[in-house]
PDB file of N, CA and C in Angstrom:
ATOM      1  N   MET A   1      62.726  52.713   2.268  1.00  0.00           N
ATOM      2  CA  MET A   1      63.080  52.358   1.654  1.00  0.00           C
ATOM      3  C   MET A   1      63.046  51.163   1.461  1.00  0.00           C
ATOM      4  N   SER A   2      61.717  50.610   0.779  1.00  0.00           N
ATOM      5  CA  SER A   2      61.158  48.998   0.295  1.00  0.00           C
ATOM      6  C   SER A   2      62.008  48.460  -0.302  1.00  0.00           C
ATOM      7  N   LEU A   3      62.385  46.760   0.026  1.00  0.00           N
ATOM      8  CA  LEU A   3      62.603  45.649  -0.747  1.00  0.00           C
ATOM      9  C   LEU A   3      61.697  45.692  -1.592  1.00  0.00           C
ATOM     10  N   LEU A   4      60.580  45.509  -0.938  1.00  0.00           N
ATOM     11  CA  LEU A   4      60.317  44.467  -1.514  1.00  0.00           C
ATOM     12  C   LEU A   4      58.881  46.027  -1.966  1.00  0.00           C
ATOM     13  N   GLY A   5      58.604  45.654  -3.561  1.00  0.00           N
ATOM     14  CA  GLY A   5      58.113  46.675  -4.646  1.00  0.00           C
ATOM     15  C   GLY A   5      56.971  46.747  -4.825  1.00  0.00           C
ATOM     16  N   PRO A   6      55.711  46.982  -5.655  1.00  0.00           N
ATOM     17  CA  PRO A   6      54.595  45.952  -6.077  1.00  0.00           C
ATOM     18  C   PRO A   6      55.079  45.015  -6.708  1.00  0.00           C
ATOM     19  N   GLU A   7      55.854  45.057  -7.893  1.00  0.00           N
ATOM     20  CA  GLU A   7      56.016  44.297  -8.522  1.00  0.00           C
ATOM     21  C   GLU A   7      56.621  42.808  -8.006  1.00  0.00           C
ATOM     22  N   GLU A   8      57.913  43.099  -7.468  1.00  0.00           N
ATOM     23  CA  GLU A   8      58.169  42.378  -6.705  1.00  0.00           C
ATOM     24  C   GLU A   8      57.188  41.161  -5.567  1.00  0.00           C
ATOM     25  N   LYS A   9      56.509  41.826  -5.062  1.00  0.00           N
ATOM     26  CA  LYS A   9      55.690  41.990  -4.142  1.00  0.00           C
ATOM     27  C   LYS A   9      54.415  40.853  -4.694  1.00  0.00           C
ATOM     28  N   HIS A  10      54.266  41.210  -6.397  1.00  0.00           N
ATOM     29  CA  HIS A  10      52.879  40.514  -6.859  1.00  0.00           C
ATOM     30  C   HIS A  10      53.361  39.089  -7.709  1.00  0.00           C
ATOM     31  N   GLU A  11      54.381  39.106  -7.357  1.00  0.00           N
ATOM     32  CA  GLU A  11      55.775  38.205  -7.702  1.00  0.00           C
ATOM     33  C   GLU A  11      55.609  37.938  -6.768  1.00  0.00           C
ATOM     34  N   LEU A  12      56.095  37.148  -5.430  1.00  0.00           N
ATOM     35  CA  LEU A  12      56.614  36.542  -3.749  1.00  0.00           C
ATOM     36  C   LEU A  12      55.061  36.351  -4.129  1.00  0.00           C
ATOM     37  N   GLU A  13      53.577  36.372  -4.460  1.00  0.00           N
ATOM     38  CA  GLU A  13      52.743  35.815  -4.260  1.00  0.00           C
ATOM     39  C   GLU A  13      52.316  34.645  -5.078  1.00  0.00           C
ATOM     40  N   ASP A  14      52.228  35.424  -5.945  1.00  0.00           N
ATOM     41  CA  ASP A  14      52.411  34.397  -7.046  1.00  0.00           C
ATOM     42  C   ASP A  14      53.183  32.727  -5.567  1.00  0.00           C
ATOM     43  N   LEU A  15      54.608  33.164  -6.469  1.00  0.00           N
ATOM     44  CA  LEU A  15      55.010  32.048  -5.735  1.00  0.00           C
ATOM     45  C   LEU A  15      54.879  31.200  -4.321  1.00  0.00           C
ATOM     46  N   ILE A  16      53.748  32.001  -3.296  1.00  0.00           N
ATOM     47  CA  ILE A  16      53.386  31.190  -2.547  1.00  0.00           C
ATOM     48  C   ILE A  16      52.211  31.161  -2.866  1.00  0.00           C
ATOM     49  N   LEU A  17      51.642  30.771  -3.615  1.00  0.00           N
ATOM     50  CA  LEU A  17      50.334  30.421  -2.649  1.00  0.00           C
ATOM     51  C   LEU A  17      50.625  29.567  -4.143  1.00  0.00           C
ATOM     52  N   ALA A  18      52.381  28.221  -5.254  1.00  0.00           N
ATOM     53  CA  ALA A  18      52.396  27.791  -5.751  1.00  0.00           C
ATOM     54  C   ALA A  18      52.499  27.357  -4.788  1.00  0.00           C
ATOM     55  N   LYS A  19      53.159  27.178  -3.603  1.00  0.00           N
ATOM     56  CA  LYS A  19      53.484  26.397  -2.286  1.00  0.00           C
ATOM     57  C   LYS A  19      52.370  25.904  -1.321  1.00  0.00           C
ATOM     58  N   LEU A  20      51.363  27.279  -1.664  1.00  0.00           N
ATOM     59  CA  LEU A  20      50.441  26.663  -0.648  1.00  0.00           C
ATOM     60  C   LEU A  20      49.688  25.247  -0.934  1.00  0.00           C
ATOM     61  N   THR A  21      49.773  25.761  -2.655  1.00  0.00           N
ATOM     62  CA  THR A  21      49.171  24.556  -3.023  1.00  0.00           C
ATOM     63  C   THR A  21      50.232  23.190  -3.440  1.00  0.00           C
ATOM     64  N   ALA A  22      50.621  23.245  -3.321  1.00  0.00           N
ATOM     65  CA  ALA A  22      51.389  22.133  -3.365  1.00  0.00           C
ATOM     66  C   ALA A  22      51.289  21.515  -2.915  1.00  0.00           C
ATOM     67  N   TYR A  23      51.718  22.207  -1.188  1.00  0.00           N
ATOM     68  CA  TYR A  23      51.479  21.762   0.517  1.00  0.00           C
ATOM     69  C   TYR A  23      49.982  20.440   0.748  1.00  0.00           C
ATOM     70  N   TRP A  24      48.637  21.491   0.323  1.00  0.00           N
ATOM     71  CA  TRP A  24      47.487  21.121   0.285  1.00  0.00           C
ATOM     72  C   TRP A  24      47.231  20.297  -0.950  1.00  0.00           C
ATOM     73  N   ASN A  25      47.824  19.946  -1.970  1.00  0.00           N
ATOM     74  CA  ASN A  25      47.626  18.964  -2.433  1.00  0.00           C
ATOM     75  C   ASN A  25      48.408  17.487  -1.873  1.00  0.00           C
ATOM     76  N   SER A  26      49.350  17.926  -1.443  1.00  0.00           N
ATOM     77  CA  SER A  26      50.203  16.682   0.030  1.00  0.00           C
ATOM     78  C   SER A  26      49.416  16.486   1.071  1.00  0.00           C
ATOM     79  N   HIS A  27      49.202  17.583   1.472  1.00  0.00           N
ATOM     80  CA  HIS A  27      48.962  17.229   3.410  1.00  0.00           C
ATOM     81  C   HIS A  27      47.004  17.132   3.383  1.00  0.00           C
ATOM     82  N   GLY A  28      46.548  18.326   2.053  1.00  0.00           N
ATOM     83  CA  GLY A  28      45.057  18.866   2.453  1.00  0.00           C
ATOM     84  C   GLY A  28      45.567  19.733   3.342  1.00  0.00           C
ATOM     85  N   SER A  29      44.198  20.088   3.821  1.00  0.00           N
ATOM     86  CA  SER A  29      43.736  21.173   4.321  1.00  0.00           C
ATOM     87  C   SER A  29      44.456  21.651   5.936  1.00  0.00           C
ATOM     88  N   ALA A  30      44.308  20.083   6.329  1.00  0.00           N
ATOM     89  CA  ALA A  30      44.783  20.232   7.925  1.00  0.00           C
ATOM     90  C   ALA A  30      46.095  19.815   8.061  1.00  0.00           C
ATOM     91  N   GLY A  31      47.276  19.483   7.197  1.00  0.00           N
ATOM     92  CA  GLY A  31      47.957  20.093   7.256  1.00  0.00           C
ATOM     93  C   GLY A  31      48.756  20.128   7.192  1.00  0.00           C
ATOM     94  N   LEU A  32      47.645  21.779   6.354  1.00  0.00           N
ATOM     95  CA  LEU A  32      48.586  22.838   6.051  1.00  0.00           C
ATOM     96  C   LEU A  32      48.389  23.896   7.278  1.00  0.00           C
ATOM     97  N   LEU A  33      46.916  23.336   7.778  1.00  0.00           N
ATOM     98  CA  LEU A  33      46.559  24.539   8.546  1.00  0.00           C
ATOM     99  C   LEU A  33      47.283  24.445  10.726  1.00  0.00           C
ATOM    100  N   SER A  34      47.793  23.099  10.258  1.00  0.00           N
ATOM    101  CA  SER A  34      48.477  22.857  12.203  1.00  0.00           C
ATOM    102  C   SER A  34      49.885  23.262  12.464  1.00  0.00           C
ATOM    103  N   SER A  35      49.150  23.617  14.020  1.00  0.00           N
ATOM    104  CA  SER A  35      50.444  23.650  14.329  1.00  0.00           C
ATOM    105  C   SER A  35      51.812  23.661  14.041  1.00  0.00           C
ATOM    106  N   GLY A  36      52.831  24.993  13.474  1.00  0.00           N
ATOM    107  CA  GLY A  36      53.973  25.147  13.521  1.00  0.00           C
ATOM    108  C   GLY A  36      53.913  24.971  11.906  1.00  0.00           C
ATOM    109  N   VAL A  37      53.250  24.475  10.903  1.00  0.00           N
ATOM    110  CA  VAL A  37      53.084  24.270   9.550  1.00  0.00           C
ATOM    111  C   VAL A  37      53.685  25.894   8.681  1.00  0.00           C
ATOM    112  N   SER A  38      54.352  26.513   9.166  1.00  0.00           N
ATOM    113  CA  SER A  38      54.463  28.083   8.786  1.00  0.00           C
ATOM    114  C   SER A  38      55.533  28.297   6.931  1.00  0.00           C
ATOM    115  N   LEU A  39      54.658  29.518   6.750  1.00  0.00           N
ATOM    116  CA  LEU A  39      55.497  29.782   5.611  1.00  0.00           C
ATOM    117  C   LEU A  39      57.290  30.970   5.203  1.00  0.00           C
ATOM    118  N   VAL A  40      58.386  30.825   5.442  1.00  0.00           N
ATOM    119  CA  VAL A  40      59.799  30.531   5.041  1.00  0.00           C
ATOM    120  C   VAL A  40      59.938  31.316   4.344  1.00  0.00           C
ATOM    121  N   VAL A  41      60.549  32.814   3.854  1.00  0.00           N
ATOM    122  CA  VAL A  41      60.826  33.311   3.005  1.00  0.00           C
ATOM    123  C   VAL A  41      62.566  32.994   3.169  1.00  0.00           C
ATOM    124  N   ASP A  42      63.025  32.584   2.444  1.00  0.00           N
ATOM    125  CA  ASP A  42      64.537  32.583   2.682  1.00  0.00           C
ATOM    126  C   ASP A  42      65.744  32.850   1.518  1.00  0.00           C
ATOM    127  N   ALA A  43      66.406  33.634   0.764  1.00  0.00           N
ATOM    128  CA  ALA A  43      67.452  33.944  -0.266  1.00  0.00           C
ATOM    129  C   ALA A  43      66.865  32.689  -1.610  1.00  0.00           C
ATOM    130  N   THR A  44      66.333  31.447  -0.802  1.00  0.00           N
ATOM    131  CA  THR A  44      65.938  30.524  -2.424  1.00  0.00           C
ATOM    132  C   THR A  44      64.858  31.050  -3.040  1.00  0.00           C
ATOM    133  N   GLY A  45      63.454  32.354  -1.989  1.00  0.00           N
ATOM    134  CA  GLY A  45      62.462  31.749  -2.349  1.00  0.00           C
ATOM    135  C   GLY A  45      62.020  31.499  -1.223  1.00  0.00           C
ATOM    136  N   PRO A  46      59.784  31.156  -1.427  1.00  0.00           N
ATOM    137  CA  PRO A  46      59.535  30.727  -0.185  1.00  0.00           C
ATOM    138  C   PRO A  46      59.217  28.939   0.353  1.00  0.00           C
ATOM    139  N   ALA A  47      58.553  28.404   0.474  1.00  0.00           N
ATOM    140  CA  ALA A  47      58.570  27.322   1.251  1.00  0.00           C
ATOM    141  C   ALA A  47      58.415  26.890   2.034  1.00  0.00           C
ATOM    142  N   VAL A  48      56.803  25.971   2.603  1.00  0.00           N
ATOM    143  CA  VAL A  48      55.997  25.642   3.252  1.00  0.00           C
ATOM    144  C   VAL A  48      56.435  24.856   4.208  1.00  0.00           C
ATOM    145  N   ALA A  49      57.480  25.022   5.271  1.00  0.00           N
ATOM    146  CA  ALA A  49      58.183  23.345   5.870  1.00  0.00           C
ATOM    147  C   ALA A  49      57.542  23.477   7.801  1.00  0.00           C
ATOM    148  N   ALA A  50      57.537  22.691   7.669  1.00  0.00           N
ATOM    149  CA  ALA A  50      56.296  21.412   9.026  1.00  0.00           C
ATOM    150  C   ALA A  50      57.114  22.222  10.108  1.00  0.00           C
ATOM    151  N   THR A  51      58.084  22.322   9.893  1.00  0.00           N
ATOM    152  CA  THR A  51      59.521  22.165  11.186  1.00  0.00           C
ATOM    153  C   THR A  51      60.753  23.488  10.809  1.00  0.00           C
ATOM    154  N   PRO A  52      60.087  25.014  10.721  1.00  0.00           N
ATOM    155  CA  PRO A  52      60.756  26.617  10.307  1.00  0.00           C
ATOM    156  C   PRO A  52      62.716  26.085  10.141  1.00  0.00           C
ATOM    157  N   SER A  53      63.206  26.308   9.720  1.00  0.00           N
ATOM    158  CA  SER A  53      64.117  25.672   9.761  1.00  0.00           C
ATOM    159  C   SER A  53      65.174  27.595   9.542  1.00  0.00           C
ATOM    160  N   GLY A  54      66.925  27.725   9.492  1.00  0.00           N
ATOM    161  CA  GLY A  54      67.174  27.907   8.220  1.00  0.00           C
ATOM    162  C   GLY A  54      68.237  29.649   9.534  1.00  0.00           C
ATOM    163  N   GLY A  55      67.101  29.915  10.431  1.00  0.00           N
ATOM    164  CA  GLY A  55      67.962  30.758  11.160  1.00  0.00           C
ATOM    165  C   GLY A  55      68.024  32.277  11.277  1.00  0.00           C
ATOM    166  N   ALA A  56      69.188  32.466  10.494  1.00  0.00           N
ATOM    167  CA  ALA A  56      70.129  33.587  10.660  1.00  0.00           C
ATOM    168  C   ALA A  56      69.243  33.924   9.145  1.00  0.00           C
ATOM    169  N   ASN A  57      69.494  32.434   7.920  1.00  0.00           N
ATOM    170  CA  ASN A  57      69.628  33.514   7.208  1.00  0.00           C
ATOM    171  C   ASN A  57      67.629  32.744   6.759  1.00  0.00           C
ATOM    172  N   VAL A  58      66.926  32.809   7.055  1.00  0.00           N
ATOM    173  CA  VAL A  58      65.707  33.277   7.129  1.00  0.00           C
ATOM    174  C   VAL A  58      65.447  35.010   7.270  1.00  0.00           C
ATOM    175  N   LEU A  59      64.752  35.528   6.127  1.00  0.00           N
ATOM    176  CA  LEU A  59      64.074  36.848   5.390  1.00  0.00           C
ATOM    177  C   LEU A  59      62.463  36.740   6.434  1.00  0.00           C
ATOM    178  N   ALA A  60      62.039  36.034   7.058  1.00  0.00           N
ATOM    179  CA  ALA A  60      61.442  35.974   7.176  1.00  0.00           C
ATOM    180  C   ALA A  60      60.176  34.746   6.641  1.00  0.00           C
ATOM    181  N   CYS A  61      58.742  35.322   8.529  1.00  0.00           N
ATOM    182  CA  CYS A  61      58.628  33.434   8.741  1.00  0.00           C
ATOM    183  C   CYS A  61      57.200  33.833   9.132  1.00  0.00           C
ATOM    184  N   VAL A  62      55.917  33.001   8.870  1.00  0.00           N
ATOM    185  CA  VAL A  62      55.023  33.348   9.779  1.00  0.00           C
ATOM    186  C   VAL A  62      54.097  31.889  10.064  1.00  0.00           C
ATOM    187  N   GLU A  63      53.725  31.999  10.766  1.00  0.00           N
ATOM    188  CA  GLU A  63      53.474  30.845  10.519  1.00  0.00           C
ATOM    189  C   GLU A  63      51.483  30.883  10.454  1.00  0.00           C
ATOM    190  N   ILE A  64      51.082  29.998   9.489  1.00  0.00           N
ATOM    191  CA  ILE A  64      50.287  30.128   8.560  1.00  0.00           C
ATOM    192  C   ILE A  64      48.731  29.747   9.895  1.00  0.00           C
ATOM    193  N   CYS A  65      48.079  28.713  10.554  1.00  0.00           N
ATOM    194  CA  CYS A  65      47.725  28.697  11.628  1.00  0.00           C
ATOM    195  C   CYS A  65      47.535  30.027  11.554  1.00  0.00           C
ATOM    196  N   LYS A  66      48.525  31.128  11.715  1.00  0.00           N
ATOM    197  CA  LYS A  66      47.688  32.489  12.783  1.00  0.00           C
ATOM    198  C   LYS A  66      47.002  33.476  12.190  1.00  0.00           C
ATOM    199  N   LEU A  67      47.320  33.026  10.361  1.00  0.00           N
ATOM    200  CA  LEU A  67      46.982  33.839   9.893  1.00  0.00           C
ATOM    201  C   LEU A  67      45.133  33.930  10.304  1.00  0.00           C
ATOM    202  N   PHE A  68      44.880  35.300   9.734  1.00  0.00           N
ATOM    203  CA  PHE A  68      43.337  35.315   9.854  1.00  0.00           C
ATOM    204  C   PHE A  68      42.585  34.237   8.957  1.00  0.00           C
ATOM    205  N   THR A  69      42.779  34.492   8.275  1.00  0.00           N
ATOM    206  CA  THR A  69      42.457  33.281   6.925  1.00  0.00           C
ATOM    207  C   THR A  69      42.309  32.042   7.354  1.00  0.00           C
ATOM    208  N   ALA A  70      43.424  31.451   7.477  1.00  0.00           N
ATOM    209  CA  ALA A  70      43.756  30.647   8.480  1.00  0.00           C
ATOM    210  C   ALA A  70      42.425  29.895   9.739  1.00  0.00           C
ATOM    211  N   LEU A  71      42.757  31.385  10.367  1.00  0.00           N
ATOM    212  CA  LEU A  71      41.212  30.518  11.307  1.00  0.00           C
ATOM    213  C   LEU A  71      40.462  31.381  11.058  1.00  0.00           C
ATOM    214  N   CYS A  72      39.845  30.918   9.910  1.00  0.00           N
ATOM    215  CA  CYS A  72      39.033  30.879   9.736  1.00  0.00           C
ATOM    216  C   CYS A  72      37.683  29.495   9.454  1.00  0.00           C
ATOM    217  N   HIS A  73      39.426  28.813   8.919  1.00  0.00           N
ATOM    218  CA  HIS A  73      38.331  26.766   9.176  1.00  0.00           C
ATOM    219  C   HIS A  73      39.119  26.698   9.692  1.00  0.00           C
ATOM    220  N   ILE A  74      39.595  27.079  11.462  1.00  0.00           N
ATOM    221  CA  ILE A  74      39.858  26.395  12.759  1.00  0.00           C
ATOM    222  C   ILE A  74      38.863  26.693  13.638  1.00  0.00           C
ATOM    223  N   THR A  75      38.971  25.468  14.152  1.00  0.00           N
ATOM    224  CA  THR A  75      37.168  24.841  15.079  1.00  0.00           C
ATOM    225  C   THR A  75      38.559  24.723  16.373  1.00  0.00           C
ATOM    226  N   ALA A  76      38.072  24.858  17.697  1.00  0.00           N
ATOM    227  CA  ALA A  76      37.933  23.865  18.608  1.00  0.00           C
ATOM    228  C   ALA A  76      38.690  22.416  19.229  1.00  0.00           C
ATOM    229  N   ASP A  77      38.464  21.388  17.475  1.00  0.00           N
ATOM    230  CA  ASP A  77      38.922  21.138  18.023  1.00  0.00           C
ATOM    231  C   ASP A  77      39.802  20.312  16.755  1.00  0.00           C
ATOM    232  N   GLY A  78      40.376  21.834  16.161  1.00  0.00           N
ATOM    233  CA  GLY A  78      42.048  21.282  15.276  1.00  0.00           C
ATOM    234  C   GLY A  78      40.851  22.578  14.233  1.00  0.00           C
ATOM    235  N   PRO A  79      41.848  21.821  12.869  1.00  0.00           N
ATOM    236  CA  PRO A  79      41.891  22.272  11.367  1.00  0.00           C
ATOM    237  C   PRO A  79      40.917  22.006  11.402  1.00  0.00           C
ATOM    238  N   GLY A  80      40.064  21.933  10.793  1.00  0.00           N
ATOM    239  CA  GLY A  80      39.332  21.518   9.640  1.00  0.00           C
ATOM    240  C   GLY A  80      39.215  21.926   8.468  1.00  0.00           C
ATOM    241  N   MET A  81      38.508  21.754   7.194  1.00  0.00           N
ATOM    242  CA  MET A  81      38.103  22.003   6.005  1.00  0.00           C
ATOM    243  C   MET A  81      38.301  23.418   5.514  1.00  0.00           C
ATOM    244  N   MET A  82      39.818  23.335   4.929  1.00  0.00           N
ATOM    245  CA  MET A  82      40.356  24.468   3.590  1.00  0.00           C
ATOM    246  C   MET A  82      40.134  24.598   2.747  1.00  0.00           C
ATOM    247  N   PRO A  83      38.265  25.216   1.710  1.00  0.00           N
ATOM    248  CA  PRO A  83      38.410  25.066   0.625  1.00  0.00           C
ATOM    249  C   PRO A  83      39.353  25.219  -0.454  1.00  0.00           C
ATOM    250  N   ARG A  84      39.455  24.321  -1.635  1.00  0.00           N
ATOM    251  CA  ARG A  84      41.551  25.167  -2.089  1.00  0.00           C
ATOM    252  C   ARG A  84      40.545  26.701  -2.863  1.00  0.00           C
ATOM    253  N   GLU A  85      39.786  26.810  -3.108  1.00  0.00           N
ATOM    254  CA  GLU A  85      39.515  27.838  -2.788  1.00  0.00           C
ATOM    255  C   GLU A  85      40.081  29.839  -2.154  1.00  0.00           C
ATOM    256  N   ALA A  86      39.594  29.194  -1.019  1.00  0.00           N
ATOM    257  CA  ALA A  86      40.890  29.867  -0.013  1.00  0.00           C
ATOM    258  C   ALA A  86      42.450  30.251  -0.663  1.00  0.00           C
ATOM    259  N   LEU A  87      42.747  29.383  -1.170  1.00  0.00           N
ATOM    260  CA  LEU A  87      44.366  29.332  -1.056  1.00  0.00           C
ATOM    261  C   LEU A  87      45.007  30.641  -1.530  1.00  0.00           C
ATOM    262  N   ALA A  88      43.915  31.260  -2.739  1.00  0.00           N
ATOM    263  CA  ALA A  88      44.622  32.843  -2.889  1.00  0.00           C
ATOM    264  C   ALA A  88      44.284  33.805  -2.322  1.00  0.00           C
ATOM    265  N   SER A  89      43.507  33.600  -1.036  1.00  0.00           N
ATOM    266  CA  SER A  89      43.129  34.962  -0.758  1.00  0.00           C
ATOM    267  C   SER A  89      44.003  34.868   1.184  1.00  0.00           C
ATOM    268  N   LEU A  90      44.247  32.927   0.855  1.00  0.00           N
ATOM    269  CA  LEU A  90      45.757  32.811   2.738  1.00  0.00           C
ATOM    270  C   LEU A  90      47.189  32.981   1.943  1.00  0.00           C
ATOM    271  N   ALA A  91      47.377  32.773   0.610  1.00  0.00           N
ATOM    272  CA  ALA A  91      48.512  33.946   0.428  1.00  0.00           C
ATOM    273  C   ALA A  91      48.267  35.108  -0.415  1.00  0.00           C
ATOM    274  N   LYS A  92      47.555  35.923  -0.324  1.00  0.00           N
ATOM    275  CA  LYS A  92      47.754  37.118   0.086  1.00  0.00           C
ATOM    276  C   LYS A  92      48.249  37.638   1.018  1.00  0.00           C
ATOM    277  N   GLU A  93      47.125  37.233   2.469  1.00  0.00           N
ATOM    278  CA  GLU A  93      47.754  37.895   3.503  1.00  0.00           C
ATOM    279  C   GLU A  93      48.919  36.703   3.514  1.00  0.00           C
ATOM    280  N   ALA A  94      49.015  36.090   3.611  1.00  0.00           N
ATOM    281  CA  ALA A  94      50.655  35.687   3.692  1.00  0.00           C
ATOM    282  C   ALA A  94      51.543  36.232   3.171  1.00  0.00           C
ATOM    283  N   THR A  95      51.654  37.075   2.082  1.00  0.00           N
ATOM    284  CA  THR A  95      52.383  37.715   1.575  1.00  0.00           C
ATOM    285  C   THR A  95      52.479  38.926   2.008  1.00  0.00           C
ATOM    286  N   THR A  96      51.299  39.458   2.165  1.00  0.00           N
ATOM    287  CA  THR A  96      51.431  41.288   2.741  1.00  0.00           C
ATOM    288  C   THR A  96      52.637  40.652   4.552  1.00  0.00           C
ATOM    289  N   ALA A  97      51.841  39.564   5.113  1.00  0.00           N
ATOM    290  CA  ALA A  97      52.907  39.180   6.230  1.00  0.00           C
ATOM    291  C   ALA A  97      54.147  39.297   6.249  1.00  0.00           C
ATOM    292  N   VAL A  98      54.774  38.511   5.380  1.00  0.00           N
ATOM    293  CA  VAL A  98      56.340  37.955   4.840  1.00  0.00           C
ATOM    294  C   VAL A  98      56.801  39.671   3.861  1.00  0.00           C
ATOM    295  N   ALA A  99      55.741  39.545   3.630  1.00  0.00           N
ATOM    296  CA  ALA A  99      56.757  41.029   2.961  1.00  0.00           C
ATOM    297  C   ALA A  99      56.545  42.618   3.836  1.00  0.00           C
ATOM    298  N   ALA A 100      55.498  42.242   5.013  1.00  0.00           N
ATOM    299  CA  ALA A 100      55.974  43.411   5.825  1.00  0.00           C
ATOM    300  C   ALA A 100      57.973  43.535   6.882  1.00  0.00           C
ATOM    301  N   GLN A 101      57.591  41.826   6.973  1.00  0.00           N
ATOM    302  CA  GLN A 101      59.087  41.334   8.337  1.00  0.00           C
ATOM    303  C   GLN A 101      60.397  41.235   6.962  1.00  0.00           C
ATOM    304  N   VAL A 102      60.197  41.342   6.262  1.00  0.00           N
ATOM    305  CA  VAL A 102      60.905  41.272   4.823  1.00  0.00           C
ATOM    306  C   VAL A 102      62.001  43.071   4.440  1.00  0.00           C
ATOM    307  N   ASN A 103      60.435  44.052   4.426  1.00  0.00           N
ATOM    308  CA  ASN A 103      60.887  45.026   3.703  1.00  0.00           C
ATOM    309  C   ASN A 103      60.862  45.274   5.344  1.00  0.00           C
ATOM    310  N   ARG A 104      60.949  45.528   6.532  1.00  0.00           N
ATOM    311  CA  ARG A 104      61.953  46.311   7.660  1.00  0.00           C
ATOM    312  C   ARG A 104      63.448  45.888   8.108  1.00  0.00           C
ATOM    313  N   ILE A 105      64.057  44.672   6.908  1.00  0.00           N
ATOM    314  CA  ILE A 105      65.544  45.282   6.644  1.00  0.00           C
ATOM    315  C   ILE A 105      66.355  45.779   5.820  1.00  0.00           C
ATOM    316  N   ALA A 106      65.688  46.409   5.820  1.00  0.00           N
ATOM    317  CA  ALA A 106      65.967  47.201   4.386  1.00  0.00           C
ATOM    318  C   ALA A 106      66.442  48.545   5.278  1.00  0.00           C
ATOM    319  N   PRO A 107      66.959  49.618   5.133  1.00  0.00           N
ATOM    320  CA  PRO A 107      67.716  50.649   5.935  1.00  0.00           C
ATOM    321  C   PRO A 107      66.823  51.774   5.633  1.00  0.00           C
ATOM    322  N   ASP A 108      66.477  52.835   6.357  1.00  0.00           N
ATOM    323  CA  ASP A 108      65.620  54.402   5.846  1.00  0.00           C
ATOM    324  C   ASP A 108      66.551  55.075   5.366  1.00  0.00           C
TER     325      ASP A 108
END
């Protein structure tokens, strides 16, 4: 049994896209792709955090720069320029990653 079905996953993706966009607007693509910046999901919803914390309260956490979409915009010199248009695909990939972590919590 999954905790997040298709409808919940779609709603989560919309929330994640909003959080990624807000972070991108505040810190730019280099800030979003910096090492350690993660998407964290807890009981209050998703958040982008430069230094994730929360321990036992965290349902899922994925480092943004380790997602394939993000890796396409990182060079040997560090984060490059990720266009705003790439945030939708980044949100979709991040949603899949965190949903897999959340759904592991559910008993079979």
